[in-house]
N, C-alpha and C. Protein backbone atom coordinates (compact mmCIF):
# COMPACT_ATOMS: atom_id res chain seq x y z
N MET A 1 -3.69 -18.52 22.59
CA MET A 1 -3.58 -17.58 23.88
C MET A 1 -2.63 -16.43 23.34
N VAL A 2 -2.52 -15.02 23.37
CA VAL A 2 -1.25 -14.47 23.32
C VAL A 2 -0.76 -14.53 24.57
N THR A 3 0.44 -14.46 24.66
CA THR A 3 1.07 -13.63 25.91
C THR A 3 1.36 -12.53 25.93
N ARG A 4 1.11 -12.34 26.69
CA ARG A 4 1.28 -10.63 27.39
C ARG A 4 2.37 -10.21 28.12
N THR A 5 3.39 -9.21 27.89
CA THR A 5 4.68 -9.70 28.41
C THR A 5 4.77 -7.71 28.58
N ALA A 6 5.21 -6.76 29.89
CA ALA A 6 5.52 -5.87 30.31
C ALA A 6 7.00 -5.58 30.55
N LEU A 7 7.87 -4.76 30.12
CA LEU A 7 9.03 -4.72 30.67
C LEU A 7 8.84 -3.25 31.66
N LEU A 8 9.57 -3.50 33.06
CA LEU A 8 9.31 -2.40 33.70
C LEU A 8 10.87 -2.16 34.27
N SER A 9 11.13 -0.16 34.11
CA SER A 9 12.39 0.02 34.84
C SER A 9 12.41 1.35 34.71
N VAL A 10 12.48 1.41 36.24
CA VAL A 10 12.39 2.75 36.70
C VAL A 10 13.23 3.21 37.42
N TYR A 11 13.53 4.72 37.38
CA TYR A 11 14.50 4.95 38.76
C TYR A 11 13.55 5.39 39.86
N ASP A 12 12.48 5.71 39.78
CA ASP A 12 11.58 6.18 41.33
C ASP A 12 10.74 5.05 41.20
N LYS A 13 10.82 4.20 42.34
CA LYS A 13 9.92 3.05 42.39
C LYS A 13 8.55 3.58 43.29
N THR A 14 8.39 4.83 43.22
CA THR A 14 7.08 5.27 43.71
C THR A 14 5.93 4.85 42.91
N GLY A 15 5.19 4.09 43.77
CA GLY A 15 3.96 3.53 42.66
C GLY A 15 3.58 2.65 41.34
N VAL A 16 5.23 1.38 41.55
CA VAL A 16 5.84 0.46 40.89
C VAL A 16 5.37 -0.55 41.12
N VAL A 17 4.85 -0.64 42.36
CA VAL A 17 3.92 -1.93 43.00
C VAL A 17 2.92 -2.16 42.54
N GLU A 18 2.22 -0.87 42.82
CA GLU A 18 0.60 -0.88 41.89
C GLU A 18 0.65 -1.10 40.72
N PHE A 19 1.48 -0.62 40.22
CA PHE A 19 1.11 -0.25 38.50
C PHE A 19 1.41 -1.83 38.51
N GLY A 20 2.34 -2.68 39.22
CA GLY A 20 2.40 -3.96 38.75
C GLY A 20 1.32 -4.69 39.22
N GLN A 21 1.05 -5.06 40.20
CA GLN A 21 -0.23 -5.28 40.27
C GLN A 21 -1.35 -5.29 39.12
N LYS A 22 -1.91 -4.08 39.06
CA LYS A 22 -2.30 -4.07 38.60
C LYS A 22 -2.00 -4.57 36.68
N LEU A 23 -1.69 -4.35 36.13
CA LEU A 23 -0.56 -5.41 34.98
C LEU A 23 -0.78 -7.00 35.31
N LYS A 24 -0.95 -7.58 36.49
CA LYS A 24 -1.16 -8.50 36.82
C LYS A 24 -2.00 -9.12 36.69
N LEU A 25 -2.90 -8.25 36.95
CA LEU A 25 -4.28 -8.39 37.28
C LEU A 25 -5.70 -8.25 35.76
N LEU A 26 -4.44 -7.74 35.02
CA LEU A 26 -4.66 -7.59 33.12
C LEU A 26 -4.47 -8.86 32.64
N GLY A 27 -3.29 -9.68 33.63
CA GLY A 27 -2.58 -10.98 32.64
C GLY A 27 -1.55 -10.41 32.36
N PHE A 28 -1.01 -10.08 32.64
CA PHE A 28 0.32 -9.32 32.02
C PHE A 28 1.88 -10.64 32.88
N ASN A 29 2.48 -10.91 32.06
CA ASN A 29 3.97 -11.52 32.90
C ASN A 29 4.85 -10.24 32.85
N LEU A 30 5.47 -9.73 33.76
CA LEU A 30 6.26 -8.89 33.86
C LEU A 30 7.85 -9.49 33.93
N LEU A 31 8.59 -9.10 33.24
CA LEU A 31 10.14 -8.25 33.19
C LEU A 31 10.63 -6.94 33.79
N ALA A 32 11.88 -6.74 34.39
CA ALA A 32 11.46 -5.53 35.04
C ALA A 32 13.58 -5.82 35.44
N SER A 33 13.92 -4.88 35.13
CA SER A 33 15.15 -4.45 35.28
C SER A 33 15.89 -4.46 36.92
N GLY A 34 16.97 -4.59 37.74
CA GLY A 34 17.33 -4.54 38.79
C GLY A 34 16.80 -4.47 39.68
N GLY A 35 16.99 -3.34 40.43
CA GLY A 35 15.95 -2.94 41.30
C GLY A 35 14.19 -2.57 41.05
N THR A 36 14.24 -2.34 39.96
CA THR A 36 12.54 -2.25 39.55
C THR A 36 11.97 -4.03 40.42
N ALA A 37 13.02 -5.16 39.44
CA ALA A 37 12.52 -5.99 39.96
C ALA A 37 12.35 -6.26 41.53
N ARG A 38 13.45 -6.35 42.49
CA ARG A 38 13.70 -6.29 43.32
C ARG A 38 12.27 -5.67 44.06
N ALA A 39 12.25 -4.75 43.76
CA ALA A 39 10.87 -3.86 44.93
C ALA A 39 9.58 -4.61 44.55
N LEU A 40 8.98 -5.03 43.29
CA LEU A 40 8.22 -6.09 42.80
C LEU A 40 8.17 -7.72 43.33
N LYS A 41 9.48 -7.88 43.93
CA LYS A 41 9.62 -9.19 44.70
C LYS A 41 9.54 -9.68 45.94
N GLU A 42 9.74 -8.35 46.36
CA GLU A 42 9.60 -7.67 48.12
C GLU A 42 7.86 -7.28 48.40
N ALA A 43 7.30 -7.15 47.38
CA ALA A 43 5.80 -6.71 47.34
C ALA A 43 5.28 -8.20 47.06
N GLY A 44 5.98 -9.07 46.91
CA GLY A 44 5.07 -10.19 46.58
C GLY A 44 4.98 -10.40 45.10
N ILE A 45 5.41 -9.98 43.94
CA ILE A 45 4.71 -9.82 42.82
C ILE A 45 5.65 -10.62 41.69
N GLU A 46 4.76 -11.69 41.13
CA GLU A 46 5.72 -12.73 40.48
C GLU A 46 6.50 -11.37 39.05
N VAL A 47 7.29 -11.85 39.02
CA VAL A 47 8.49 -11.06 38.24
C VAL A 47 9.85 -11.35 37.50
N THR A 48 10.05 -11.51 36.61
CA THR A 48 11.95 -12.02 35.96
C THR A 48 12.15 -11.12 35.47
N ASP A 49 13.63 -11.15 36.03
CA ASP A 49 14.94 -10.11 36.18
C ASP A 49 15.04 -10.04 35.23
N VAL A 50 15.09 -9.13 34.30
CA VAL A 50 15.41 -8.82 32.78
C VAL A 50 17.10 -9.47 33.11
N ALA A 51 18.04 -9.48 33.78
CA ALA A 51 19.06 -9.19 33.80
C ALA A 51 19.56 -11.35 33.26
N THR A 52 18.64 -12.50 33.84
CA THR A 52 18.61 -13.41 33.06
C THR A 52 18.31 -14.07 31.83
N ILE A 53 17.94 -12.88 31.20
CA ILE A 53 18.05 -12.48 29.80
C ILE A 53 18.27 -12.26 28.61
N VAL A 54 19.13 -11.30 29.40
CA VAL A 54 20.32 -10.15 28.82
C VAL A 54 21.63 -10.24 29.11
N GLY A 55 21.78 -11.31 30.62
CA GLY A 55 23.00 -11.43 30.72
C GLY A 55 23.52 -10.62 32.22
N LYS A 56 24.55 -10.36 31.93
CA LYS A 56 25.48 -9.55 33.06
C LYS A 56 25.63 -7.97 32.11
N PRO A 57 25.83 -7.03 33.26
CA PRO A 57 26.20 -5.60 33.05
C PRO A 57 27.22 -5.21 32.48
N ILE A 58 26.90 -4.48 30.97
CA ILE A 58 28.14 -3.72 30.71
C ILE A 58 28.49 -2.67 31.35
N LEU A 59 29.48 -2.40 31.57
CA LEU A 59 30.06 -1.40 32.18
C LEU A 59 29.34 -0.98 33.63
N GLY A 60 28.80 -1.98 34.42
CA GLY A 60 27.33 -1.44 35.26
C GLY A 60 26.22 -1.43 34.77
N HIS A 61 26.08 -1.35 33.50
CA HIS A 61 24.50 -1.37 33.40
C HIS A 61 24.21 -2.10 32.75
N ARG A 62 22.85 -2.54 32.88
CA ARG A 62 21.98 -3.63 32.15
C ARG A 62 21.92 -3.29 30.53
N VAL A 63 21.68 -4.13 29.62
CA VAL A 63 20.81 -3.74 27.86
C VAL A 63 19.86 -4.07 27.86
N VAL A 64 19.13 -3.46 28.26
CA VAL A 64 17.52 -3.61 27.98
C VAL A 64 17.31 -3.65 26.29
N THR A 65 18.04 -3.11 25.77
CA THR A 65 17.51 -2.52 24.15
C THR A 65 17.12 -4.61 23.66
N PRO A 66 17.95 -5.35 23.98
CA PRO A 66 17.52 -6.37 23.30
C PRO A 66 16.30 -7.02 23.39
N VAL A 67 15.56 -7.05 24.89
CA VAL A 67 14.40 -6.99 24.61
C VAL A 67 13.29 -6.49 24.50
N ALA A 68 13.42 -5.08 23.97
CA ALA A 68 12.56 -4.37 23.88
C ALA A 68 12.52 -4.25 22.63
N GLY A 69 13.76 -4.64 22.27
CA GLY A 69 13.31 -4.11 20.55
C GLY A 69 12.74 -5.51 19.98
N ASN A 70 12.68 -6.14 20.59
CA ASN A 70 11.62 -7.66 20.34
C ASN A 70 9.93 -7.39 20.49
N SER A 71 9.80 -6.03 20.72
CA SER A 71 8.48 -5.85 21.32
C SER A 71 7.73 -5.45 20.22
N ARG A 72 6.83 -5.42 20.74
CA ARG A 72 5.04 -4.90 19.05
C ARG A 72 5.28 -3.68 19.62
N SER A 73 5.32 -3.23 20.92
CA SER A 73 4.90 -2.07 21.48
C SER A 73 5.87 -1.42 22.42
N THR A 74 5.98 0.14 22.44
CA THR A 74 6.89 -0.07 23.24
C THR A 74 6.10 1.60 24.09
N VAL A 75 6.05 1.64 25.48
CA VAL A 75 5.74 2.89 26.14
C VAL A 75 6.70 3.65 27.02
N VAL A 76 7.15 4.56 26.72
CA VAL A 76 8.29 5.31 27.21
C VAL A 76 7.75 6.41 27.88
N SER A 77 7.92 6.47 29.41
CA SER A 77 6.67 7.80 29.59
C SER A 77 7.86 8.38 31.08
N LYS A 78 7.91 9.49 31.17
CA LYS A 78 8.83 10.45 32.35
C LYS A 78 8.08 11.04 33.02
N GLN A 79 8.28 11.31 34.22
CA GLN A 79 7.81 12.35 35.01
C GLN A 79 8.27 13.95 35.08
N ARG A 80 6.91 14.47 34.55
CA ARG A 80 7.24 15.86 34.17
C ARG A 80 8.05 16.27 35.69
N SER A 81 8.76 17.41 35.45
CA SER A 81 9.15 18.37 36.54
C SER A 81 7.45 19.17 37.58
N ARG A 82 7.86 19.01 38.22
CA ARG A 82 6.45 20.34 39.07
C ARG A 82 6.66 21.43 39.27
């Protein structure tokens, strides 16, 4: 069985809980950066904080690249200005 993992890191948390719930229903394990992980955990969604994988912040920012660099595919989305 293939393990599917989604990495979530968003500035605007609007809709992230619903998105995380849908990913879990589809069988994904979730990894998320600090604030995103916190929002998901507060909603009762099982998630692993990426800090447990990449370690302490560098200059106040976590480096997500080592995790994303090992992925088979990456989706990056930016909300369009209204």
